[in-house]
Amino acid sequence: MLTKDDRIRYRSTELAAVVSARVALFALSSGNLTGEEMAQAFVAALPRMVRVLAKHPPPFIAKVTRSGEVSMVFIGDG
């Protein structure tokens, strides 16, 4: 799942939904990007996202920066 809400991990109800649905969630770290900038960030991050998906079973939340860097911010018990 892709989102621009990087605060989702701090809201217990939403985090519980991620965990119970076993979601692999990638959240943009900057919520004030244009649609084109969001797309560019995710395209730049795609190779890293694929590696994260191969290494970590869901549920998890990973942060995606504007430059396409990816870092884990929450790892559930997968």
PDB file of N, CA and C in Angstrom:
ATOM      1  N   MET A   1       0.843  -1.153   0.000  1.00  0.00           N
ATOM      2  CA  MET A   1       0.000   0.000   0.000  1.00  0.00           C
ATOM      3  C   MET A   1       0.902   1.233   0.000  1.00  0.00           C
ATOM      4  N   LEU A   2       0.492   2.244  -0.727  1.00  0.00           N
ATOM      5  CA  LEU A   2       1.215   3.515  -0.780  1.00  0.00           C
ATOM      6  C   LEU A   2       0.355   4.593  -0.136  1.00  0.00           C
ATOM      7  N   THR A   3       0.988   5.471   0.653  1.00  0.00           N
ATOM      8  CA  THR A   3       0.256   6.559   1.285  1.00  0.00           C
ATOM      9  C   THR A   3       1.174   7.760   1.465  1.00  0.00           C
ATOM     10  N   LYS A   4       0.556   8.917   1.653  1.00  0.00           N
ATOM     11  CA  LYS A   4       1.347  10.096   1.999  1.00  0.00           C
ATOM     12  C   LYS A   4       1.185  10.447   3.479  1.00  0.00           C
ATOM     13  N   ASP A   5       0.501   9.583   4.223  1.00  0.00           N
ATOM     14  CA  ASP A   5       0.275   9.786   5.651  1.00  0.00           C
ATOM     15  C   ASP A   5       1.355   9.065   6.453  1.00  0.00           C
ATOM     16  N   ASP A   6       2.456   9.737   6.722  1.00  0.00           N
ATOM     17  CA  ASP A   6       3.541   9.080   7.455  1.00  0.00           C
ATOM     18  C   ASP A   6       3.299   9.060   8.962  1.00  0.00           C
ATOM     19  N   ARG A   7       2.203   9.617   9.426  1.00  0.00           N
ATOM     20  CA  ARG A   7       1.867   9.614  10.857  1.00  0.00           C
ATOM     21  C   ARG A   7       0.994   8.423  11.232  1.00  0.00           C
ATOM     22  N   ILE A   8       0.653   7.585  10.275  1.00  0.00           N
ATOM     23  CA  ILE A   8      -0.261   6.467  10.501  1.00  0.00           C
ATOM     24  C   ILE A   8       0.245   5.551  11.624  1.00  0.00           C
ATOM     25  N   ARG A   9       1.543   5.420  11.751  1.00  0.00           N
ATOM     26  CA  ARG A   9       2.095   4.517  12.765  1.00  0.00           C
ATOM     27  C   ARG A   9       1.900   5.032  14.185  1.00  0.00           C
ATOM     28  N   TYR A  10       1.525   6.296  14.341  1.00  0.00           N
ATOM     29  CA  TYR A  10       1.305   6.870  15.666  1.00  0.00           C
ATOM     30  C   TYR A  10      -0.159   6.809  16.108  1.00  0.00           C
ATOM     31  N   ARG A  11      -1.051   6.395  15.219  1.00  0.00           N
ATOM     32  CA  ARG A  11      -2.474   6.293  15.549  1.00  0.00           C
ATOM     33  C   ARG A  11      -2.813   4.817  15.784  1.00  0.00           C
ATOM     34  N   SER A  12      -3.112   4.487  17.010  1.00  0.00           N
ATOM     35  CA  SER A  12      -3.239   3.078  17.400  1.00  0.00           C
ATOM     36  C   SER A  12      -4.285   2.317  16.590  1.00  0.00           C
ATOM     37  N   THR A  13      -5.402   2.935  16.281  1.00  0.00           N
ATOM     38  CA  THR A  13      -6.447   2.243  15.518  1.00  0.00           C
ATOM     39  C   THR A  13      -5.972   1.937  14.102  1.00  0.00           C
ATOM     40  N   GLU A  14      -5.309   2.893  13.476  1.00  0.00           N
ATOM     41  CA  GLU A  14      -4.829   2.691  12.108  1.00  0.00           C
ATOM     42  C   GLU A  14      -3.663   1.698  12.078  1.00  0.00           C
ATOM     43  N   LEU A  15      -2.786   1.766  13.071  1.00  0.00           N
ATOM     44  CA  LEU A  15      -1.684   0.806  13.151  1.00  0.00           C
ATOM     45  C   LEU A  15      -2.230  -0.609  13.362  1.00  0.00           C
ATOM     46  N   ALA A  16      -3.252  -0.738  14.197  1.00  0.00           N
ATOM     47  CA  ALA A  16      -3.875  -2.048  14.417  1.00  0.00           C
ATOM     48  C   ALA A  16      -4.476  -2.584  13.123  1.00  0.00           C
ATOM     49  N   ALA A  17      -5.049  -1.712  12.300  1.00  0.00           N
ATOM     50  CA  ALA A  17      -5.611  -2.138  11.015  1.00  0.00           C
ATOM     51  C   ALA A  17      -4.512  -2.626  10.075  1.00  0.00           C
ATOM     52  N   VAL A  18      -3.371  -1.943  10.064  1.00  0.00           N
ATOM     53  CA  VAL A  18      -2.227  -2.366   9.244  1.00  0.00           C
ATOM     54  C   VAL A  18      -1.778  -3.758   9.672  1.00  0.00           C
ATOM     55  N   VAL A  19      -1.681  -3.963  10.975  1.00  0.00           N
ATOM     56  CA  VAL A  19      -1.220  -5.243  11.507  1.00  0.00           C
ATOM     57  C   VAL A  19      -2.238  -6.351  11.212  1.00  0.00           C
ATOM     58  N   SER A  20      -3.514  -6.116  11.505  1.00  0.00           N
ATOM     59  CA  SER A  20      -4.511  -7.176  11.324  1.00  0.00           C
ATOM     60  C   SER A  20      -4.713  -7.534   9.861  1.00  0.00           C
ATOM     61  N   ALA A  21      -4.539  -6.562   8.956  1.00  0.00           N
ATOM     62  CA  ALA A  21      -4.676  -6.832   7.515  1.00  0.00           C
ATOM     63  C   ALA A  21      -3.367  -7.305   6.893  1.00  0.00           C
ATOM     64  N   ARG A  22      -2.292  -7.335   7.710  1.00  0.00           N
ATOM     65  CA  ARG A  22      -0.969  -7.770   7.253  1.00  0.00           C
ATOM     66  C   ARG A  22      -0.528  -6.978   6.020  1.00  0.00           C
ATOM     67  N   VAL A  23      -0.540  -5.662   6.162  1.00  0.00           N
ATOM     68  CA  VAL A  23      -0.239  -4.732   5.071  1.00  0.00           C
ATOM     69  C   VAL A  23       1.252  -4.418   5.016  1.00  0.00           C
ATOM     70  N   ALA A  24       1.772  -4.345   3.811  1.00  0.00           N
ATOM     71  CA  ALA A  24       3.098  -3.795   3.551  1.00  0.00           C
ATOM     72  C   ALA A  24       2.846  -2.349   3.100  1.00  0.00           C
ATOM     73  N   LEU A  25       3.148  -1.400   3.970  1.00  0.00           N
ATOM     74  CA  LEU A  25       2.788  -0.010   3.726  1.00  0.00           C
ATOM     75  C   LEU A  25       4.041   0.836   3.521  1.00  0.00           C
ATOM     76  N   PHE A  26       4.043   1.613   2.462  1.00  0.00           N
ATOM     77  CA  PHE A  26       5.121   2.556   2.167  1.00  0.00           C
ATOM     78  C   PHE A  26       4.528   3.955   2.243  1.00  0.00           C
ATOM     79  N   ALA A  27       5.057   4.765   3.171  1.00  0.00           N
ATOM     80  CA  ALA A  27       4.527   6.099   3.440  1.00  0.00           C
ATOM     81  C   ALA A  27       5.548   7.163   3.062  1.00  0.00           C
ATOM     82  N   LEU A  28       5.097   8.158   2.336  1.00  0.00           N
ATOM     83  CA  LEU A  28       5.983   9.277   2.009  1.00  0.00           C
ATOM     84  C   LEU A  28       6.285  10.082   3.263  1.00  0.00           C
ATOM     85  N   SER A  29       7.528  10.452   3.442  1.00  0.00           N
ATOM     86  CA  SER A  29       7.919  11.204   4.630  1.00  0.00           C
ATOM     87  C   SER A  29       7.541  12.677   4.530  1.00  0.00           C
ATOM     88  N   SER A  30       7.266  13.151   3.340  1.00  0.00           N
ATOM     89  CA  SER A  30       6.845  14.537   3.139  1.00  0.00           C
ATOM     90  C   SER A  30       5.443  14.540   2.534  1.00  0.00           C
ATOM     91  N   GLY A  31       4.484  15.032   3.301  1.00  0.00           N
ATOM     92  CA  GLY A  31       3.095  15.017   2.856  1.00  0.00           C
ATOM     93  C   GLY A  31       2.699  16.183   1.974  1.00  0.00           C
ATOM     94  N   ASN A  32       3.597  17.122   1.751  1.00  0.00           N
ATOM     95  CA  ASN A  32       3.228  18.310   0.990  1.00  0.00           C
ATOM     96  C   ASN A  32       3.830  18.300  -0.415  1.00  0.00           C
ATOM     97  N   LEU A  33       3.859  17.140  -1.049  1.00  0.00           N
ATOM     98  CA  LEU A  33       4.373  17.032  -2.411  1.00  0.00           C
ATOM     99  C   LEU A  33       3.223  17.091  -3.408  1.00  0.00           C
ATOM    100  N   THR A  34       3.528  17.535  -4.605  1.00  0.00           N
ATOM    101  CA  THR A  34       2.531  17.480  -5.669  1.00  0.00           C
ATOM    102  C   THR A  34       2.361  16.028  -6.115  1.00  0.00           C
ATOM    103  N   GLY A  35       1.334  15.761  -6.870  1.00  0.00           N
ATOM    104  CA  GLY A  35       1.125  14.417  -7.390  1.00  0.00           C
ATOM    105  C   GLY A  35       2.313  13.931  -8.196  1.00  0.00           C
ATOM    106  N   GLU A  36       2.862  14.795  -9.018  1.00  0.00           N
ATOM    107  CA  GLU A  36       4.023  14.433  -9.826  1.00  0.00           C
ATOM    108  C   GLU A  36       5.244  14.131  -8.949  1.00  0.00           C
ATOM    109  N   GLU A  37       5.454  14.931  -7.906  1.00  0.00           N
ATOM    110  CA  GLU A  37       6.585  14.695  -6.999  1.00  0.00           C
ATOM    111  C   GLU A  37       6.417  13.388  -6.225  1.00  0.00           C
ATOM    112  N   MET A  38       5.173  13.075  -5.819  1.00  0.00           N
ATOM    113  CA  MET A  38       4.914  11.804  -5.142  1.00  0.00           C
ATOM    114  C   MET A  38       5.251  10.642  -6.066  1.00  0.00           C
ATOM    115  N   ALA A  39       4.793  10.726  -7.298  1.00  0.00           N
ATOM    116  CA  ALA A  39       5.069   9.665  -8.270  1.00  0.00           C
ATOM    117  C   ALA A  39       6.571   9.514  -8.484  1.00  0.00           C
ATOM    118  N   GLN A  40       7.290  10.614  -8.600  1.00  0.00           N
ATOM    119  CA  GLN A  40       8.739  10.550  -8.793  1.00  0.00           C
ATOM    120  C   GLN A  40       9.434   9.895  -7.599  1.00  0.00           C
ATOM    121  N   ALA A  41       8.975  10.203  -6.396  1.00  0.00           N
ATOM    122  CA  ALA A  41       9.571   9.614  -5.194  1.00  0.00           C
ATOM    123  C   ALA A  41       9.359   8.103  -5.173  1.00  0.00           C
ATOM    124  N   PHE A  42       8.146   7.662  -5.474  1.00  0.00           N
ATOM    125  CA  PHE A  42       7.863   6.227  -5.469  1.00  0.00           C
ATOM    126  C   PHE A  42       8.595   5.503  -6.600  1.00  0.00           C
ATOM    127  N   VAL A  43       8.695   6.128  -7.754  1.00  0.00           N
ATOM    128  CA  VAL A  43       9.441   5.512  -8.864  1.00  0.00           C
ATOM    129  C   VAL A  43      10.915   5.383  -8.489  1.00  0.00           C
ATOM    130  N   ALA A  44      11.481   6.424  -7.890  1.00  0.00           N
ATOM    131  CA  ALA A  44      12.885   6.374  -7.463  1.00  0.00           C
ATOM    132  C   ALA A  44      13.092   5.306  -6.387  1.00  0.00           C
ATOM    133  N   ALA A  45      12.085   5.105  -5.546  1.00  0.00           N
ATOM    134  CA  ALA A  45      12.197   4.153  -4.440  1.00  0.00           C
ATOM    135  C   ALA A  45      11.886   2.718  -4.844  1.00  0.00           C
ATOM    136  N   LEU A  46      11.318   2.501  -5.999  1.00  0.00           N
ATOM    137  CA  LEU A  46      10.829   1.175  -6.373  1.00  0.00           C
ATOM    138  C   LEU A  46      11.849   0.050  -6.196  1.00  0.00           C
ATOM    139  N   PRO A  47      13.091   0.177  -6.670  1.00  0.00           N
ATOM    140  CA  PRO A  47      14.042  -0.926  -6.449  1.00  0.00           C
ATOM    141  C   PRO A  47      14.266  -1.231  -4.965  1.00  0.00           C
ATOM    142  N   ARG A  48      14.322  -0.195  -4.133  1.00  0.00           N
ATOM    143  CA  ARG A  48      14.503  -0.394  -2.697  1.00  0.00           C
ATOM    144  C   ARG A  48      13.252  -1.016  -2.079  1.00  0.00           C
ATOM    145  N   MET A  49      12.080  -0.592  -2.549  1.00  0.00           N
ATOM    146  CA  MET A  49      10.828  -1.154  -2.051  1.00  0.00           C
ATOM    147  C   MET A  49      10.754  -2.653  -2.355  1.00  0.00           C
ATOM    148  N   VAL A  50      11.178  -3.042  -3.532  1.00  0.00           N
ATOM    149  CA  VAL A  50      11.181  -4.461  -3.910  1.00  0.00           C
ATOM    150  C   VAL A  50      12.107  -5.246  -2.979  1.00  0.00           C
ATOM    151  N   ARG A  51      13.268  -4.680  -2.662  1.00  0.00           N
ATOM    152  CA  ARG A  51      14.198  -5.360  -1.742  1.00  0.00           C
ATOM    153  C   ARG A  51      13.592  -5.494  -0.337  1.00  0.00           C
ATOM    154  N   VAL A  52      12.928  -4.448   0.121  1.00  0.00           N
ATOM    155  CA  VAL A  52      12.281  -4.499   1.435  1.00  0.00           C
ATOM    156  C   VAL A  52      11.200  -5.578   1.439  1.00  0.00           C
ATOM    157  N   LEU A  53      10.402  -5.636   0.385  1.00  0.00           N
ATOM    158  CA  LEU A  53       9.350  -6.652   0.301  1.00  0.00           C
ATOM    159  C   LEU A  53       9.923  -8.067   0.302  1.00  0.00           C
ATOM    160  N   ALA A  54      11.074  -8.244  -0.316  1.00  0.00           N
ATOM    161  CA  ALA A  54      11.700  -9.566  -0.360  1.00  0.00           C
ATOM    162  C   ALA A  54      12.282  -9.960   1.000  1.00  0.00           C
ATOM    163  N   LYS A  55      12.697  -8.980   1.770  1.00  0.00           N
ATOM    164  CA  LYS A  55      13.379  -9.243   3.038  1.00  0.00           C
ATOM    165  C   LYS A  55      12.429  -9.308   4.235  1.00  0.00           C
ATOM    166  N   HIS A  56      11.365  -8.515   4.224  1.00  0.00           N
ATOM    167  CA  HIS A  56      10.481  -8.382   5.381  1.00  0.00           C
ATOM    168  C   HIS A  56       9.052  -8.794   5.036  1.00  0.00           C
ATOM    169  N   PRO A  57       8.528  -9.812   5.686  1.00  0.00           N
ATOM    170  CA  PRO A  57       7.123 -10.155   5.468  1.00  0.00           C
ATOM    171  C   PRO A  57       6.224  -9.114   6.141  1.00  0.00           C
ATOM    172  N   PRO A  58       5.072  -8.830   5.564  1.00  0.00           N
ATOM    173  CA  PRO A  58       4.144  -7.905   6.212  1.00  0.00           C
ATOM    174  C   PRO A  58       3.633  -8.501   7.522  1.00  0.00           C
ATOM    175  N   PRO A  59       3.198  -7.692   8.450  1.00  0.00           N
ATOM    176  CA  PRO A  59       2.948  -6.263   8.306  1.00  0.00           C
ATOM    177  C   PRO A  59       4.191  -5.435   8.621  1.00  0.00           C
ATOM    178  N   PHE A  60       4.309  -4.333   7.891  1.00  0.00           N
ATOM    179  CA  PHE A  60       5.354  -3.365   8.188  1.00  0.00           C
ATOM    180  C   PHE A  60       4.987  -2.023   7.592  1.00  0.00           C
ATOM    181  N   ILE A  61       5.668  -0.994   8.101  1.00  0.00           N
ATOM    182  CA  ILE A  61       5.552   0.353   7.542  1.00  0.00           C
ATOM    183  C   ILE A  61       6.968   0.820   7.242  1.00  0.00           C
ATOM    184  N   ALA A  62       7.178   1.285   6.030  1.00  0.00           N
ATOM    185  CA  ALA A  62       8.467   1.842   5.620  1.00  0.00           C
ATOM    186  C   ALA A  62       8.254   3.272   5.149  1.00  0.00           C
ATOM    187  N   LYS A  63       9.219   4.110   5.463  1.00  0.00           N
ATOM    188  CA  LYS A  63       9.179   5.524   5.074  1.00  0.00           C
ATOM    189  C   LYS A  63       9.911   5.686   3.751  1.00  0.00           C
ATOM    190  N   VAL A  64       9.327   6.470   2.849  1.00  0.00           N
ATOM    191  CA  VAL A  64       9.937   6.777   1.549  1.00  0.00           C
ATOM    192  C   VAL A  64      10.192   8.280   1.498  1.00  0.00           C
ATOM    193  N   THR A  65      11.439   8.654   1.271  1.00  0.00           N
ATOM    194  CA  THR A  65      11.774  10.080   1.184  1.00  0.00           C
ATOM    195  C   THR A  65      11.559  10.596  -0.231  1.00  0.00           C
ATOM    196  N   ARG A  66      11.585  11.880  -0.354  1.00  0.00           N
ATOM    197  CA  ARG A  66      11.428  12.531  -1.651  1.00  0.00           C
ATOM    198  C   ARG A  66      12.482  12.045  -2.647  1.00  0.00           C
ATOM    199  N   SER A  67      13.676  11.722  -2.169  1.00  0.00           N
ATOM    200  CA  SER A  67      14.757  11.283  -3.055  1.00  0.00           C
ATOM    201  C   SER A  67      14.698   9.784  -3.367  1.00  0.00           C
ATOM    202  N   GLY A  68      13.751   9.065  -2.735  1.00  0.00           N
ATOM    203  CA  GLY A  68      13.603   7.646  -3.016  1.00  0.00           C
ATOM    204  C   GLY A  68      14.275   6.719  -2.034  1.00  0.00           C
ATOM    205  N   GLU A  69      14.781   7.262  -0.922  1.00  0.00           N
ATOM    206  CA  GLU A  69      15.353   6.400   0.127  1.00  0.00           C
ATOM    207  C   GLU A  69      14.215   5.709   0.859  1.00  0.00           C
ATOM    208  N   VAL A  70      14.454   4.506   1.338  1.00  0.00           N
ATOM    209  CA  VAL A  70      13.448   3.729   2.049  1.00  0.00           C
ATOM    210  C   VAL A  70      14.031   3.262   3.374  1.00  0.00           C
ATOM    211  N   SER A  71      13.269   3.455   4.458  1.00  0.00           N
ATOM    212  CA  SER A  71      13.713   2.965   5.762  1.00  0.00           C
ATOM    213  C   SER A  71      12.501   2.419   6.531  1.00  0.00           C
ATOM    214  N   MET A  72      12.756   1.346   7.259  1.00  0.00           N
ATOM    215  CA  MET A  72      11.705   0.724   8.049  1.00  0.00           C
ATOM    216  C   MET A  72      11.417   1.577   9.274  1.00  0.00           C
ATOM    217  N   VAL A  73      10.121   1.773   9.569  1.00  0.00           N
ATOM    218  CA  VAL A  73       9.748   2.521  10.776  1.00  0.00           C
ATOM    219  C   VAL A  73       8.875   1.689  11.711  1.00  0.00           C
ATOM    220  N   PHE A  74       8.318   0.598  11.193  1.00  0.00           N
ATOM    221  CA  PHE A  74       7.542  -0.327  12.026  1.00  0.00           C
ATOM    222  C   PHE A  74       7.602  -1.706  11.394  1.00  0.00           C
ATOM    223  N   ILE A  75       7.946  -2.701  12.209  1.00  0.00           N
ATOM    224  CA  ILE A  75       7.933  -4.081  11.747  1.00  0.00           C
ATOM    225  C   ILE A  75       7.067  -4.873  12.702  1.00  0.00           C
ATOM    226  N   GLY A  76       5.966  -5.427  12.178  1.00  0.00           N
ATOM    227  CA  GLY A  76       5.080  -6.265  12.992  1.00  0.00           C
ATOM    228  C   GLY A  76       5.645  -7.665  13.061  1.00  0.00           C
ATOM    229  N   ASP A  77       4.958  -8.501  13.766  1.00  0.00           N
ATOM    230  CA  ASP A  77       5.423  -9.896  13.851  1.00  0.00           C
ATOM    231  C   ASP A  77       4.863 -10.670  12.661  1.00  0.00           C
ATOM    232  N   GLY A  78       5.718 -10.816  11.651  1.00  0.00           N
ATOM    233  CA  GLY A  78       5.327 -11.446  10.390  1.00  0.00           C
ATOM    234  C   GLY A  78       5.749 -12.815  10.370  1.00  0.00           C
TER     235      GLY A  78
END
